[in-house]
Amino acid sequence: MDLAFFSVQLLNGLQYGLLLFLIASGLTLIFGIMGIINLAHGAMYMIGAYLVYDLTMRLGNFWLAIVVAIPIAIALGLIIERLFLDTLYKRDHLYQVLLTFGMILVLNEVQRIIWGGNVHSVSVPAPFDSSIQLTSNLRYSVYRLFVMGVCLALAGVIYWIIRHTRLGIIIRAGAVNRDMVEGLGINVRTLFTLIFSAGVALTAFAGMIAAPLTSITPGMGDSILITCFVVVVIGGIGSIKGAFWGAIIIGMATTFGSVLIPSLASMVIYLIMAAVLLVKPRGLFA
């Protein structure tokens, strides 16, 4: 493996890891604070990709499509949380698993009804539809660098909110002891709605910006959900810092694993998870 090829894979792994972070951050907050095992989280990634595909076709502009799609994703999160999850907060996790698994089936069927079962794609938007010379023998996609920049910026914003704002203090306290937060007079219902909607928006946005990089296919959120659960377990449930570093580790492992040991690539992330749990049973940053 020459240096240029290694550098490309390193950048690809970083880009994939940062994209995973957007999805896993919402998942870890929803599970860590709300106590909801949301199996439908990956379906939001799929819905985001299909929304931006559909709106790009209708509006003729990828960036305008994202601007329109984000409020739709937030509204979807609000509807799901208010109509379906509101009754589950005090109930056993089995009910949550059954309901959110049912939501996967419903959302996948809605996707097939609206957009069909064909594979779709979105062109890389201008002005990022080119590559840039990073070194004398290394060129890299401008759009992938853009995605990395956006994900890093969002990671910084999320970290700042969690660590340096009153809302962040409440969220961190809720991850440790929900009953205590409620006892302090904080409207936990509003907090739950905010967290769930933000988690859905981040996941859908990840699907939107990933659309030009991947094929848009039915059920595309299922595999990403499993990967993000691995990220959350490695990093520690409820930890944004853990979600970030867990996502980077898994992004790098997946990318280099598929290049170096393709026959075992699908096993690599689970081996890493097992190794981490042997040393840190609650995750790296729990």
Foldseek 3Di string as FASTA:
>chain_A
DDPQVVVQLLLQLLLQLLLLLLQLLLQLLLCLQLVANQLCSLLLLLVLQVQLQVVCVVVVASVVSLVVVLVVLLVVLLCCCVPPVVVPSPHDNVVRVVVNVVVLVVSLVVCCVVPNFDKDADADHPPQNDWDDPDPPHIGGSLSVVSSVVSVVVLVVVVCCLPPHPLNVLSLVSSVPVVVSVVVVDPVSVNSSVSRSSSSSSSSVSSSSCRNVDINGRPPSNVSSVLSVLQCQQLARSDSVSSSVSSSVLSSLLSVCCVPPVVCSVVRSVVVSVVSCVVVVRHDHD
